[in-house]
Protein backbone atom coordinates (compact mmCIF):
# COMPACT_ATOMS: atom_id res chain seq x y z
CA MET A 1 -58.47 -114.06 -37.45
CA PRO A 2 -61.84 -113.36 -35.83
CA ASN A 3 -63.76 -110.12 -36.58
CA VAL A 4 -66.70 -109.49 -34.25
CA VAL A 5 -69.55 -107.05 -34.85
CA ARG A 6 -73.03 -106.55 -33.30
CA GLY A 7 -76.30 -105.66 -34.84
CA SER A 8 -80.11 -105.95 -34.59
CA ARG A 9 -81.22 -107.10 -38.02
CA MET A 10 -80.75 -110.78 -38.58
CA SER A 11 -82.59 -110.63 -41.97
CA GLY A 12 -80.19 -107.89 -43.27
CA LEU A 13 -77.17 -109.93 -42.21
CA MET A 14 -78.45 -113.19 -43.88
CA MET A 15 -79.34 -111.29 -47.04
CA TYR A 16 -75.87 -109.96 -47.25
CA LEU A 17 -74.22 -113.33 -46.63
CA ALA A 18 -76.41 -115.00 -49.25
CA GLY A 19 -76.15 -112.07 -51.69
CA PRO A 20 -73.51 -111.11 -54.23
CA GLY A 21 -71.32 -109.18 -51.79
CA ARG A 22 -70.02 -105.61 -51.99
CA HIS A 23 -67.82 -106.43 -55.05
CA ASN A 24 -69.63 -109.51 -56.46
CA GLU A 25 -67.17 -111.69 -54.52
CA HIS A 26 -69.70 -114.05 -53.00
CA THR A 27 -70.04 -117.35 -54.86
CA GLU A 28 -72.19 -120.34 -54.01
CA PRO A 29 -73.23 -119.28 -50.47
CA HIS A 30 -74.19 -122.33 -48.41
CA LEU A 31 -74.29 -123.52 -44.80
CA VAL A 32 -71.44 -125.51 -43.35
CA ALA A 33 -72.73 -125.71 -39.67
CA GLY A 34 -75.56 -124.57 -37.44
CA ASP A 35 -78.26 -125.91 -35.22
CA SER A 36 -79.65 -129.29 -36.20
CA ALA A 37 -82.90 -128.03 -37.57
CA LEU A 38 -81.26 -125.65 -40.08
CA MET A 39 -78.74 -128.31 -41.24
CA THR A 40 -81.60 -130.83 -41.80
CA TRP A 41 -83.62 -128.29 -43.87
CA TYR A 42 -80.82 -126.82 -45.99
CA ASP A 43 -77.68 -129.00 -45.67
CA ASP A 44 -75.18 -127.63 -48.21
CA ASN A 45 -77.70 -126.33 -50.83
CA GLU A 46 -76.84 -122.98 -52.39
CA LEU A 47 -78.67 -120.23 -50.63
CA GLY A 48 -80.96 -117.62 -52.28
CA ARG A 49 -83.03 -114.69 -51.04
CA ASP A 50 -86.05 -116.84 -49.86
CA ALA A 51 -83.73 -119.23 -47.97
CA ALA A 52 -81.87 -116.41 -46.36
CA LEU A 53 -85.00 -114.83 -45.08
CA ALA A 54 -86.28 -118.19 -43.85
CA ILE A 55 -83.06 -118.83 -41.95
CA ALA A 56 -83.24 -115.34 -40.44
CA ARG A 57 -86.77 -115.96 -39.13
CA HIS A 58 -85.69 -119.30 -37.56
CA LEU A 59 -82.76 -117.70 -35.87
CA ASP A 60 -84.82 -114.75 -34.60
CA GLU A 61 -87.70 -116.83 -33.27
CA PRO A 62 -86.63 -116.91 -29.61
CA ARG A 63 -86.24 -113.16 -29.41
CA ARG A 64 -89.41 -112.45 -31.42
CA VAL A 65 -91.66 -114.92 -29.56
CA LEU A 66 -90.42 -114.19 -26.03
CA GLY A 67 -90.16 -110.39 -26.68
CA ILE A 68 -86.66 -109.99 -25.24
CA GLU A 69 -84.34 -107.19 -26.33
CA VAL A 70 -80.57 -107.06 -25.88
CA ASP A 71 -78.67 -103.87 -25.35
CA GLY A 72 -76.39 -103.27 -28.28
CA GLY A 73 -78.22 -105.63 -30.54
CA HIS A 74 -79.17 -109.32 -30.37
CA VAL A 75 -77.29 -110.32 -33.60
CA TRP A 76 -73.69 -111.49 -32.89
CA HIS A 77 -71.75 -111.75 -36.17
CA CYS A 78 -68.12 -113.01 -36.50
CA SER A 79 -66.06 -113.89 -39.50
CA LEU A 80 -63.19 -116.40 -39.24
CA SER A 81 -60.52 -115.91 -41.88
CA LEU A 82 -57.38 -117.81 -42.96
CA ARG A 83 -54.51 -116.39 -44.88
CA ALA A 84 -54.58 -116.91 -48.63
CA GLU A 85 -51.28 -118.77 -48.30
CA GLU A 86 -52.91 -121.50 -46.19
CA GLY A 87 -55.13 -122.51 -49.06
CA LEU A 88 -58.77 -123.68 -48.93
CA LYS A 89 -60.38 -125.83 -46.24
CA THR A 90 -63.10 -128.34 -46.92
CA ASP A 91 -66.68 -127.79 -45.75
CA GLU A 92 -66.19 -130.50 -43.10
CA GLU A 93 -63.11 -128.87 -41.75
CA TRP A 94 -64.81 -125.53 -41.54
CA ALA A 95 -67.83 -127.19 -39.80
CA ALA A 96 -65.57 -128.62 -37.21
CA ILE A 97 -63.92 -125.21 -36.69
CA ALA A 98 -67.25 -123.44 -36.45
CA ARG A 99 -68.65 -125.90 -33.87
CA ASP A 100 -65.61 -125.66 -31.66
CA PHE A 101 -65.53 -121.91 -31.91
CA VAL A 102 -69.22 -121.53 -30.89
CA THR A 103 -68.64 -123.93 -27.99
CA GLU A 104 -65.52 -122.00 -26.83
CA MET A 105 -67.61 -118.82 -26.81
CA GLY A 106 -70.29 -120.44 -24.73
CA PHE A 107 -73.20 -120.01 -27.26
CA ASP A 108 -73.82 -123.77 -27.75
CA ASP A 109 -72.04 -125.81 -25.07
CA PRO A 110 -73.32 -129.44 -24.50
CA ASP A 111 -72.01 -129.25 -20.98
CA ASP A 112 -73.93 -126.06 -20.16
CA ALA A 113 -77.27 -126.44 -18.35
CA ARG A 114 -78.76 -123.54 -20.27
CA ALA A 115 -80.45 -123.90 -23.60
CA PRO A 116 -78.27 -123.22 -26.70
CA CYS A 117 -78.27 -120.13 -28.88
CA ARG A 118 -79.52 -120.53 -32.41
CA TRP A 119 -76.55 -120.01 -34.78
CA VAL A 120 -75.46 -120.69 -38.33
CA ALA A 121 -72.10 -120.70 -40.25
CA VAL A 122 -72.18 -119.55 -43.86
CA ARG A 123 -69.46 -120.05 -46.49
CA HIS A 124 -69.48 -118.11 -49.74
CA GLY A 125 -66.10 -118.40 -51.33
CA VAL A 126 -62.89 -116.53 -50.77
CA SER A 127 -62.72 -112.81 -49.98
CA SER A 128 -61.47 -110.16 -52.50
CA ASN A 129 -58.01 -110.73 -50.92
CA GLY A 130 -58.16 -114.53 -51.57
CA ASN A 131 -58.68 -115.42 -47.97
CA ASP A 132 -60.81 -118.49 -47.22
CA HIS A 133 -63.33 -117.63 -44.47
CA ILE A 134 -66.73 -118.32 -42.90
CA HIS A 135 -69.36 -116.16 -41.26
CA ILE A 136 -70.96 -117.12 -37.97
CA ALA A 137 -74.28 -115.53 -37.06
CA VAL A 138 -75.70 -116.04 -33.51
CA ASN A 139 -78.94 -114.92 -31.86
CA LEU A 140 -77.93 -113.87 -28.32
CA VAL A 141 -81.35 -114.75 -26.87
CA ARG A 142 -81.29 -118.41 -25.99
CA GLU A 143 -84.21 -120.77 -26.56
CA ASP A 144 -85.05 -120.64 -22.76
CA GLY A 145 -85.23 -116.78 -22.80
CA THR A 146 -81.86 -116.18 -21.14
CA LYS A 147 -79.26 -113.97 -22.72
CA ALA A 148 -75.84 -115.13 -23.79
CA ALA A 149 -72.88 -113.40 -22.14
CA VAL A 150 -70.90 -111.15 -24.51
CA TRP A 151 -68.73 -109.39 -22.02
CA ASN A 152 -65.12 -109.09 -23.27
CA ASP A 153 -66.17 -111.06 -26.38
CA PHE A 154 -63.45 -109.52 -28.54
CA SER A 155 -60.70 -110.82 -26.32
CA ARG A 156 -62.42 -114.21 -25.79
CA ALA A 157 -62.77 -114.62 -29.60
CA GLN A 158 -59.03 -114.02 -30.03
CA LYS A 159 -58.26 -116.63 -27.38
CA ALA A 160 -60.68 -119.12 -28.92
CA ALA A 161 -59.05 -118.58 -32.33
CA ARG A 162 -55.58 -119.27 -30.85
CA ALA A 163 -56.81 -122.46 -29.31
CA LEU A 164 -58.36 -123.54 -32.61
CA GLU A 165 -55.10 -122.97 -34.49
CA VAL A 166 -53.41 -125.61 -32.29
CA ARG A 167 -56.37 -128.04 -32.27
CA HIS A 168 -56.97 -127.97 -36.00
CA GLY A 169 -53.33 -127.69 -37.08
CA LEU A 170 -53.61 -124.14 -38.58
CA GLU A 171 -50.87 -121.71 -38.98
CA GLN A 172 -50.37 -120.06 -35.57
CA LEU A 173 -50.37 -116.36 -35.17
CA GLU A 174 -46.73 -115.26 -34.58
CA SER A 175 -47.68 -112.06 -32.78
CA ALA A 176 -49.64 -113.92 -30.10
CA ARG A 177 -46.64 -116.17 -29.35
CA THR A 178 -44.02 -113.37 -29.41
CA GLN A 179 -46.07 -110.69 -27.68
CA ARG A 180 -45.87 -108.46 -30.69
CA ALA A 181 -48.71 -106.91 -32.69
CA THR A 182 -49.65 -103.82 -34.77
CA ARG A 183 -52.82 -101.98 -34.86
CA GLY A 184 -54.92 -102.55 -37.98
CA TYR A 185 -57.63 -100.51 -39.54
CA ASP A 186 -61.23 -101.41 -38.67
CA PRO A 187 -63.02 -101.80 -42.07
CA ALA A 188 -65.75 -99.34 -41.01
CA GLU A 189 -63.11 -96.83 -39.89
CA ARG A 190 -61.17 -97.16 -43.15
CA GLU A 191 -64.36 -96.76 -45.22
CA ALA A 192 -65.64 -93.77 -43.32
CA GLN A 193 -62.30 -91.96 -43.54
CA ALA A 194 -62.02 -92.78 -47.28
CA ARG A 195 -65.50 -91.44 -47.93
CA GLY A 196 -64.77 -88.24 -46.11
CA ARG A 197 -61.54 -87.73 -47.99
CA ALA A 198 -63.18 -88.52 -51.30
CA ARG A 199 -65.99 -86.02 -50.66
CA ALA A 200 -63.55 -83.29 -49.66
CA ALA A 201 -61.42 -83.86 -52.65
CA HIS A 202 -64.43 -83.67 -54.96
CA GLU A 203 -65.53 -80.38 -53.40
CA ARG A 204 -62.09 -78.92 -53.83
CA VAL A 205 -62.18 -79.68 -57.55
CA ARG A 206 -65.69 -78.30 -57.74
CA ARG A 207 -64.60 -74.97 -56.44
CA THR A 208 -62.77 -74.34 -59.69
CA ASP A 209 -65.28 -76.15 -61.96
CA ARG A 210 -68.83 -75.24 -60.95
CA ALA A 211 -70.19 -77.34 -63.78
CA LEU A 212 -69.40 -80.46 -61.75
CA PRO A 213 -72.38 -81.85 -59.78
CA THR A 214 -72.31 -81.88 -56.00
CA TRP A 215 -71.14 -84.95 -54.18
CA ASP A 216 -74.69 -86.06 -53.39
CA ALA A 217 -75.68 -85.67 -57.07
CA LEU A 218 -72.99 -87.84 -58.36
CA PRO A 219 -73.99 -91.27 -59.74
CA ALA A 220 -73.47 -93.98 -57.11
CA ALA A 221 -70.90 -95.80 -59.31
CA GLU A 222 -68.71 -92.73 -59.61
CA ARG A 223 -68.89 -92.05 -55.83
CA HIS A 224 -67.96 -95.66 -55.13
CA ALA A 225 -65.00 -95.39 -57.50
CA GLN A 226 -63.69 -92.24 -55.77
CA VAL A 227 -64.03 -93.84 -52.37
CA ALA A 228 -62.28 -96.96 -53.54
CA ALA A 229 -59.41 -94.90 -54.78
CA GLN A 230 -59.09 -93.21 -51.40
CA THR A 231 -59.39 -96.55 -49.66
CA SER A 232 -56.36 -97.97 -51.49
CA ALA A 233 -54.29 -94.80 -50.88
CA ASP A 234 -51.87 -94.47 -47.90
CA GLN A 235 -53.93 -94.29 -44.75
CA PRO A 236 -53.58 -91.18 -42.56
CA ARG A 237 -52.65 -93.13 -39.42
CA HIS A 238 -49.77 -94.93 -41.16
CA ALA A 239 -48.40 -91.67 -42.58
CA LEU A 240 -48.63 -89.96 -39.25
CA ALA A 241 -46.90 -92.96 -37.55
CA ARG A 242 -43.93 -92.68 -39.96
CA VAL A 243 -43.60 -88.94 -39.27
CA VAL A 244 -43.81 -89.29 -35.52
CA ARG A 245 -41.39 -92.29 -35.50
CA GLY A 246 -38.87 -90.41 -37.60
CA CYS A 247 -39.11 -87.25 -35.39
CA ALA A 248 -38.75 -89.34 -32.23
CA THR A 249 -35.65 -91.16 -33.57
CA ALA A 250 -33.89 -87.92 -34.65
CA ALA A 251 -34.76 -86.01 -31.41
CA ALA A 252 -32.32 -85.77 -28.54
CA ASP A 253 -34.94 -84.84 -25.98
CA GLU A 254 -38.67 -84.44 -25.68
CA GLY A 255 -38.72 -80.70 -26.49
CA GLU A 256 -36.91 -81.32 -29.79
CA PHE A 257 -39.36 -84.11 -30.55
CA VAL A 258 -42.29 -81.64 -30.32
CA ARG A 259 -40.54 -79.02 -32.38
CA ARG A 260 -39.63 -81.65 -35.13
CA MET A 261 -43.25 -82.83 -35.36
CA ARG A 262 -44.34 -79.20 -35.86
CA ARG A 263 -41.72 -78.59 -38.45
CA ALA A 264 -42.99 -81.62 -40.35
CA GLY A 265 -46.46 -80.02 -40.62
CA VAL A 266 -48.09 -82.18 -37.93
CA LEU A 267 -50.76 -80.67 -35.53
CA VAL A 268 -49.79 -81.49 -32.00
CA ARG A 269 -51.67 -81.25 -28.72
CA PRO A 270 -50.63 -82.63 -25.33
CA ARG A 271 -52.71 -84.53 -22.69
CA TYR A 272 -52.20 -83.09 -19.18
CA ALA A 273 -52.48 -84.77 -15.85
CA GLU A 274 -55.66 -83.76 -14.13
CA GLY A 275 -55.58 -80.30 -12.70
CA THR A 276 -52.20 -79.36 -14.20
CA THR A 277 -50.81 -77.62 -17.28
CA ASP A 278 -47.16 -78.63 -16.87
CA VAL A 279 -47.44 -82.44 -16.41
CA ILE A 280 -47.86 -84.13 -19.75
CA THR A 281 -49.02 -87.75 -19.67
CA GLY A 282 -49.64 -88.29 -23.39
CA TYR A 283 -50.12 -86.64 -26.72
CA SER A 284 -52.28 -86.78 -29.88
CA VAL A 285 -51.43 -85.74 -33.44
CA ALA A 286 -53.28 -85.00 -36.63
CA ALA A 287 -52.37 -84.30 -40.27
CA ARG A 288 -52.99 -80.73 -41.33
CA PRO A 289 -56.39 -80.96 -43.08
CA GLN A 290 -57.09 -79.65 -46.62
CA TYR A 291 -59.96 -77.48 -47.47
CA GLY A 292 -63.32 -79.23 -46.69
CA GLU A 293 -61.69 -81.75 -44.30
CA ARG A 294 -61.53 -81.92 -40.52
CA PRO A 295 -58.43 -83.04 -38.67
CA ILE A 296 -58.45 -86.64 -37.38
CA TRP A 297 -56.60 -86.95 -34.14
CA TYR A 298 -54.67 -90.02 -33.06
CA GLY A 299 -53.11 -90.71 -29.68
CA GLY A 300 -49.45 -91.97 -29.73
CA ARG A 301 -50.43 -95.43 -28.67
CA HIS A 302 -52.97 -95.70 -31.42
CA LEU A 303 -50.28 -94.85 -33.94
CA GLY A 304 -48.07 -97.68 -32.70
CA ARG A 305 -47.32 -99.46 -29.45
CA ASP A 306 -43.80 -98.13 -29.49
CA LEU A 307 -45.00 -94.49 -29.99
CA SER A 308 -46.71 -93.93 -26.63
CA LEU A 309 -45.09 -91.10 -24.66
CA PRO A 310 -43.90 -93.36 -21.78
CA ARG A 311 -42.02 -95.60 -24.26
CA LEU A 312 -40.56 -92.62 -26.13
CA ARG A 313 -39.31 -91.07 -22.86
CA GLU A 314 -37.12 -94.18 -22.27
CA GLU A 315 -34.63 -92.76 -24.80
CA TRP A 316 -34.53 -89.14 -23.53
CA PRO A 317 -32.92 -87.41 -20.53
CA ASP A 318 -35.04 -87.64 -17.43
CA ASP A 319 -34.32 -84.49 -15.44
CA PRO A 320 -36.28 -81.52 -14.15
CA ALA A 321 -34.84 -78.95 -16.64
CA ALA A 322 -35.70 -81.17 -19.62
CA ALA A 323 -39.19 -81.79 -18.37
CA THR A 324 -39.75 -78.01 -17.84
CA ALA A 325 -38.45 -77.24 -21.35
CA ALA A 326 -40.64 -79.99 -22.91
CA ALA A 327 -43.72 -78.70 -21.14
CA ALA A 328 -43.09 -75.27 -22.54
CA GLU A 329 -42.91 -76.68 -26.05
CA TRP A 330 -46.05 -78.75 -25.61
CA ASN A 331 -47.93 -75.63 -24.44
CA ALA A 332 -46.70 -73.66 -27.38
CA ALA A 333 -47.81 -76.44 -29.74
CA LYS A 334 -51.29 -76.50 -28.23
CA ARG A 335 -51.76 -72.79 -28.57
CA GLN A 336 -50.19 -72.62 -32.07
CA ARG A 337 -47.45 -70.33 -30.86
CA ARG A 338 -43.80 -70.17 -32.01
CA PRO A 339 -41.37 -72.77 -30.58
CA VAL A 340 -39.97 -71.55 -27.19
CA ALA A 341 -36.34 -72.61 -27.76
CA PRO A 342 -35.49 -73.71 -31.32
CA GLY A 343 -32.61 -76.20 -31.29
CA ARG A 344 -30.47 -78.28 -33.56
CA GLU A 345 -33.46 -79.17 -35.88
CA THR A 346 -32.94 -75.67 -37.43
CA SER A 347 -29.16 -76.13 -38.05
CA GLU A 348 -27.13 -77.66 -40.93
CA PHE A 349 -24.79 -80.54 -40.33
CA ASP A 350 -21.15 -80.89 -41.06
CA PRO A 351 -20.50 -83.17 -44.09
CA ALA A 352 -17.84 -84.93 -41.98
CA ALA A 353 -20.64 -86.19 -39.70
CA TRP A 354 -21.62 -88.81 -42.43
CA GLY A 355 -18.43 -90.71 -41.85
CA GLN A 356 -18.73 -90.44 -38.10
CA TYR A 357 -22.22 -91.74 -37.84
CA THR A 358 -21.51 -94.55 -40.47
CA GLU A 359 -18.76 -95.73 -38.10
CA HIS A 360 -21.25 -95.57 -35.24
CA LEU A 361 -23.63 -97.78 -37.15
CA ALA A 362 -20.84 -100.30 -37.79
CA ALA A 363 -20.05 -100.31 -34.04
CA VAL A 364 -23.69 -100.94 -33.20
CA ARG A 365 -23.75 -103.92 -35.58
CA GLU A 366 -20.72 -105.38 -33.87
CA GLN A 367 -22.33 -104.94 -30.41
CA LEU A 368 -25.40 -106.85 -31.66
CA ARG A 369 -23.41 -110.02 -31.85
CA ALA A 370 -23.57 -110.11 -28.00
CA VAL A 371 -27.33 -109.42 -27.76
CA PRO A 372 -29.31 -112.63 -27.26
CA VAL A 373 -32.32 -113.38 -29.32
CA GLN A 374 -34.48 -113.57 -26.15
CA ASP A 375 -33.76 -109.86 -25.39
CA ARG A 376 -36.86 -108.64 -27.31
CA GLU A 377 -36.75 -105.17 -25.88
CA ALA A 378 -33.24 -104.51 -27.32
CA TRP A 379 -34.19 -105.85 -30.75
CA ALA A 380 -37.44 -103.86 -30.60
CA ARG A 381 -35.57 -100.65 -29.91
CA LEU A 382 -33.10 -101.37 -32.76
CA ALA A 383 -36.06 -101.95 -35.17
CA ARG A 384 -37.79 -98.80 -34.08
CA HIS A 385 -34.67 -96.65 -34.49
CA SER A 386 -33.98 -98.21 -37.87
CA ALA A 387 -37.52 -97.74 -39.02
CA GLY A 388 -37.30 -94.09 -37.77
CA ALA A 389 -34.13 -93.51 -39.87
CA LEU A 390 -35.93 -94.87 -42.91
CA ALA A 391 -38.94 -92.76 -42.27
CA GLU A 392 -36.85 -89.63 -42.18
CA TRP A 393 -35.13 -90.75 -45.49
CA SER A 394 -38.55 -91.26 -46.99
CA ARG A 395 -39.58 -87.74 -45.98
CA ALA A 396 -36.53 -86.36 -47.57
CA LEU A 397 -36.74 -88.16 -50.87
CA GLU A 398 -40.30 -89.26 -51.58
CA ASP A 399 -43.07 -86.74 -52.53
CA VAL A 400 -45.58 -89.51 -52.04
CA PRO A 401 -45.12 -92.69 -49.88
CA GLY A 402 -42.98 -95.07 -51.90
CA PRO A 403 -40.56 -97.98 -51.40
CA ILE A 404 -38.72 -96.34 -48.45
CA ALA A 405 -41.95 -95.66 -46.67
CA ALA A 406 -43.09 -99.23 -47.20
CA ALA A 407 -39.76 -100.49 -45.88
CA ALA A 408 -40.07 -98.30 -42.76
CA ASP A 409 -43.67 -99.53 -42.18
CA THR A 410 -42.62 -103.19 -42.39
CA LEU A 411 -39.66 -102.77 -40.15
CA SER A 412 -41.74 -100.86 -37.55
CA ARG A 413 -43.79 -104.02 -36.92
CA SER A 414 -40.76 -105.59 -35.29
CA ALA A 415 -40.96 -102.82 -32.67
CA GLN A 416 -44.57 -103.33 -31.74
CA THR A 417 -44.24 -105.27 -28.40
CA ARG A 418 -47.12 -105.65 -25.93
CA ARG A 419 -44.81 -105.58 -22.92
CA PRO A 420 -44.81 -102.59 -20.57
CA PRO A 421 -42.04 -99.97 -21.00
CA GLN A 422 -38.72 -100.91 -19.54
CA PRO A 423 -35.60 -98.81 -18.81
CA ALA A 424 -33.39 -98.39 -21.84
CA PRO A 425 -30.08 -100.31 -21.48
CA ALA A 426 -26.79 -98.56 -21.78
CA SER A 427 -25.93 -99.22 -25.43
CA SER A 428 -24.88 -97.39 -28.62
CA LEU A 429 -28.31 -97.58 -30.12
CA PRO A 430 -28.94 -93.83 -29.79
CA SER A 431 -26.28 -93.33 -32.56
CA ILE A 432 -28.86 -94.32 -35.02
CA ALA A 433 -30.57 -91.01 -34.28
CA GLY A 434 -27.54 -89.42 -36.02
CA ALA A 435 -28.20 -91.47 -39.10
CA ALA A 436 -31.76 -90.30 -38.94
CA LEU A 437 -30.70 -86.71 -38.81
CA LEU A 438 -28.45 -87.02 -41.87
CA LEU A 439 -30.85 -89.11 -43.96
CA ALA A 440 -33.52 -86.44 -43.21
CA SER A 441 -31.27 -83.96 -45.01
CA ALA A 442 -30.51 -86.41 -47.99
CA SER A 443 -30.24 -84.41 -51.26
CA ARG A 444 -32.44 -85.14 -54.20
CA SER A 445 -29.67 -83.92 -56.50
CA GLY A 446 -27.24 -86.58 -55.38
CA HIS A 447 -24.90 -84.24 -53.60
CA GLY A 448 -23.12 -86.43 -51.04
CA ALA A 449 -24.57 -89.62 -52.55
CA VAL A 450 -21.42 -91.70 -51.86
CA ALA A 451 -21.55 -90.87 -48.11
CA GLU A 452 -25.31 -91.45 -48.08
CA ALA A 453 -24.85 -94.86 -49.75
CA ALA A 454 -22.21 -95.80 -47.20
CA MET A 455 -24.56 -95.02 -44.39
CA VAL A 456 -27.54 -96.84 -46.01
CA ARG A 457 -25.29 -99.87 -46.46
CA GLN A 458 -24.54 -99.98 -42.80
CA LEU A 459 -28.27 -99.48 -41.98
CA MET A 460 -29.11 -102.37 -44.28
CA LYS A 461 -26.69 -104.58 -42.20
CA LEU A 462 -28.63 -103.61 -39.07
CA VAL A 463 -31.92 -104.49 -40.80
CA LEU A 464 -30.42 -107.81 -41.90
CA ALA A 465 -29.51 -108.48 -38.25
CA VAL A 466 -33.24 -107.84 -37.27
CA ALA A 467 -34.37 -110.42 -40.02
CA LYS A 468 -31.91 -112.95 -38.69
CA MET A 469 -33.11 -112.41 -35.16
CA HIS A 470 -36.73 -113.16 -36.37
CA GLU A 471 -35.45 -116.32 -38.09
CA ALA A 472 -33.72 -117.48 -34.97
CA ALA A 473 -36.87 -116.82 -32.93
CA ARG A 474 -39.00 -118.81 -35.45
CA GLU A 475 -40.88 -115.76 -36.49
CA LEU A 476 -40.59 -116.75 -40.14
CA ARG A 477 -43.33 -114.54 -41.53
CA GLN A 478 -41.88 -111.32 -40.13
CA ALA A 479 -38.43 -112.40 -41.13
CA GLN A 480 -39.55 -112.90 -44.68
CA ALA A 481 -41.37 -109.58 -44.66
CA VAL A 482 -38.32 -107.73 -43.42
CA ARG A 483 -36.20 -109.33 -46.11
CA ASP A 484 -38.58 -108.80 -48.92
CA GLN A 485 -40.16 -105.45 -48.18
CA THR A 486 -37.20 -103.74 -46.42
CA LEU A 487 -33.90 -105.15 -47.59
CA VAL A 488 -34.98 -105.76 -51.21
CA GLN A 489 -36.55 -102.29 -51.49
CA MET A 490 -33.61 -100.52 -50.00
CA GLU A 491 -31.14 -102.51 -52.20
CA ARG A 492 -33.09 -101.62 -55.31
CA LEU A 493 -33.41 -97.98 -54.36
CA THR A 494 -29.71 -97.59 -53.39
CA ARG A 495 -28.74 -99.19 -56.71
CA ASP A 496 -31.03 -96.89 -58.72
CA ARG A 497 -29.55 -93.88 -56.98
CA GLU A 498 -25.98 -95.07 -57.59
CA GLN A 499 -26.81 -95.49 -61.39
CA ARG A 500 -28.58 -92.18 -61.48
CA PHE A 501 -25.78 -90.10 -59.91
CA GLY A 502 -22.81 -92.31 -60.76
CA PHE A 503 -19.83 -92.87 -58.57
CA GLY A 504 -16.85 -93.16 -60.83
CA ASP A 505 -13.72 -91.77 -59.16
CA ARG A 506 -15.54 -91.06 -55.95
CA VAL A 507 -15.25 -94.73 -54.96
CA ALA A 508 -11.83 -93.83 -53.60
CA GLN A 509 -13.43 -91.47 -51.15
CA VAL A 510 -15.26 -94.38 -49.52
CA GLU A 511 -12.25 -96.64 -49.48
CA VAL A 512 -10.90 -95.16 -46.25
CA ASN A 513 -14.18 -95.33 -44.32
CA ASP A 514 -15.58 -98.58 -45.75
CA PRO A 515 -13.48 -100.79 -47.90
CA GLU A 516 -16.27 -103.47 -48.04
CA LEU A 517 -18.64 -100.95 -49.54
CA ALA A 518 -16.04 -99.65 -52.07
CA ALA A 519 -15.30 -103.26 -53.20
CA SER A 520 -19.06 -103.85 -53.57
CA MET A 521 -19.37 -100.60 -55.71
CA ARG A 522 -16.51 -101.68 -57.92
CA ARG A 523 -18.03 -105.06 -58.54
CA ARG A 524 -21.35 -103.48 -59.56
CA GLU A 525 -19.64 -101.01 -61.82
CA ALA A 526 -17.68 -103.85 -63.45
CA ALA A 527 -20.81 -105.97 -63.88
CA ARG A 528 -22.58 -103.08 -65.63
CA ALA A 529 -19.62 -102.57 -67.87
CA GLY A 530 -19.27 -106.25 -68.65
CA LEU A 531 -15.78 -106.44 -67.21
CA GLY A 532 -14.13 -109.10 -65.12
CA PRO A 533 -14.85 -109.63 -61.40
CA ALA A 534 -11.92 -107.42 -60.41
CA GLY A 535 -12.72 -104.63 -62.81
CA SER A 536 -9.98 -105.43 -65.30
CA PRO A 537 -10.48 -104.39 -68.96
CA ILE A 538 -8.88 -107.71 -69.99
CA PRO A 539 -11.06 -110.78 -69.77
CA THR A 540 -9.82 -113.54 -67.52
CA PRO A 541 -7.75 -115.87 -69.74
CA ILE A 542 -8.88 -119.46 -69.98
CA GLU A 543 -6.22 -121.95 -71.04
CA PRO A 544 -6.43 -125.72 -71.50
CA ALA A 545 -4.74 -127.93 -68.90
CA PRO A 546 -1.24 -129.00 -70.00
CA HIS A 547 -1.07 -132.50 -71.41
CA ARG A 548 0.82 -134.80 -69.08
CA PRO A 549 1.86 -138.24 -70.57
CA VAL A 550 0.77 -141.24 -68.58
CA ALA A 551 3.42 -143.80 -67.85
CA PRO A 552 2.58 -147.34 -69.03
CA GLY A 553 1.42 -149.57 -66.22
CA PRO A 554 1.51 -153.41 -65.92
CA LYS A 555 -0.19 -155.29 -68.63
CA ARG A 556 -3.59 -156.57 -67.54
CA PRO A 557 -4.68 -159.99 -68.58
CA GLY A 558 -7.29 -160.18 -71.29
CA PRO A 559 -10.57 -162.02 -71.03
CA ARG A 560 -10.59 -165.80 -71.17
CA ARG A 561 -12.03 -167.30 -74.32
């Protein structure tokens, strides 16, 4: 995966690459590739401070001597990283990858009439996550005084990386082949937000304990520790995406979607078409900030590709009355006024609905048998609805994001398609919205745990179908993630809740609606009690086979002497 940044201090970059790293993770920094002069001088010797500064001066020489400045910075820096599971490459393999990458980007192309850029590739061991990687530093001022083109360099770097995966036999990125991708956190964005949350949390504690020093007066090590703790915590955008996805799954129309987000404590504001206040083209949301913090707003598409307003509208009624009612709710949310027309999000549900929606989930699973693997939009909708149901269950049961939230996040990646929105097919998938409604009201006390378990079992079967779809489409990494992070987590949690609240005689209540689940529950109870497979208190008898006399056969001749 390439990660591109720009800057203006080549010496600072080289000092960092040859230094200990932020967490002392850099070991034996050395060159693996670069222009011929640098490789002749340094080869693969371990770099120190003096060598790093000398390399920086050499790389910077065309810009410094010719006096040419580049808007946005003349230092182009890109890291190329492999997953830890791919193991380590040799310096020779990395050198070939670096040379091909620089050629693909047009910085040092033998077929180009222009002079090459000066560049270098540095390797300094694996990252803190165990990923083998190299860093490429390029001076964008060529030796003849021209400037290298960096227009659309992020996209070009991605395309170059995909070509190198094929050329060098590396693991190919599944999302590029399947047109599916999730939005990651930029490291600078993650660190800046973590620093802001850590500072606000420290100031909140200081309000009650004035003996504590201010944030700026804290020792650097303590500040770094608090920022690191916030960095490893659940990221605001991921938490918001779960809430929005769950509300969208449970909502029957756009107005209810807005009201559900507000009931969940999310700040909501619409984006209007130019010159109007009743035509909404998008939205943004933010978590309600604590004391000392400022709200951080995210557009729906930045939360997830499946959460943009055009995609969400595919599932809701498209008529003038619904659009007018939704616009009124958006306007009320922007002005922090009461909901205009509260709906079913404020009502309680009939316990009999558990059995009804459980049957609907079973019907959806049967219909999936006729959905081809190539119909990615149908499978993406199924994944989004299932992830939304899990997100609502997480909100009902987990005070802090736990295994259900992790399962919802993993499954939501299967819904992140790059394709433009398409009309929703006529199917039974909206019945999963009913499951989301009921799971959102799941009781922590275990009231109705049998019906809840029946529904979750059916939902797990849908998730298993998604995993099998990924396997059939040769998306093995996502298939494994869905199995490990979603199915295993749900199975473990469901088993723990069954043990905590106990089923006992209530298994008979499930028999009518789901005999398969009832049999599974009996087998688990029998296993916990150390009974036979059918739940009998008498161990299965084991008897020796009856002795059967063998009739004498014809006498065989003995060996000759």
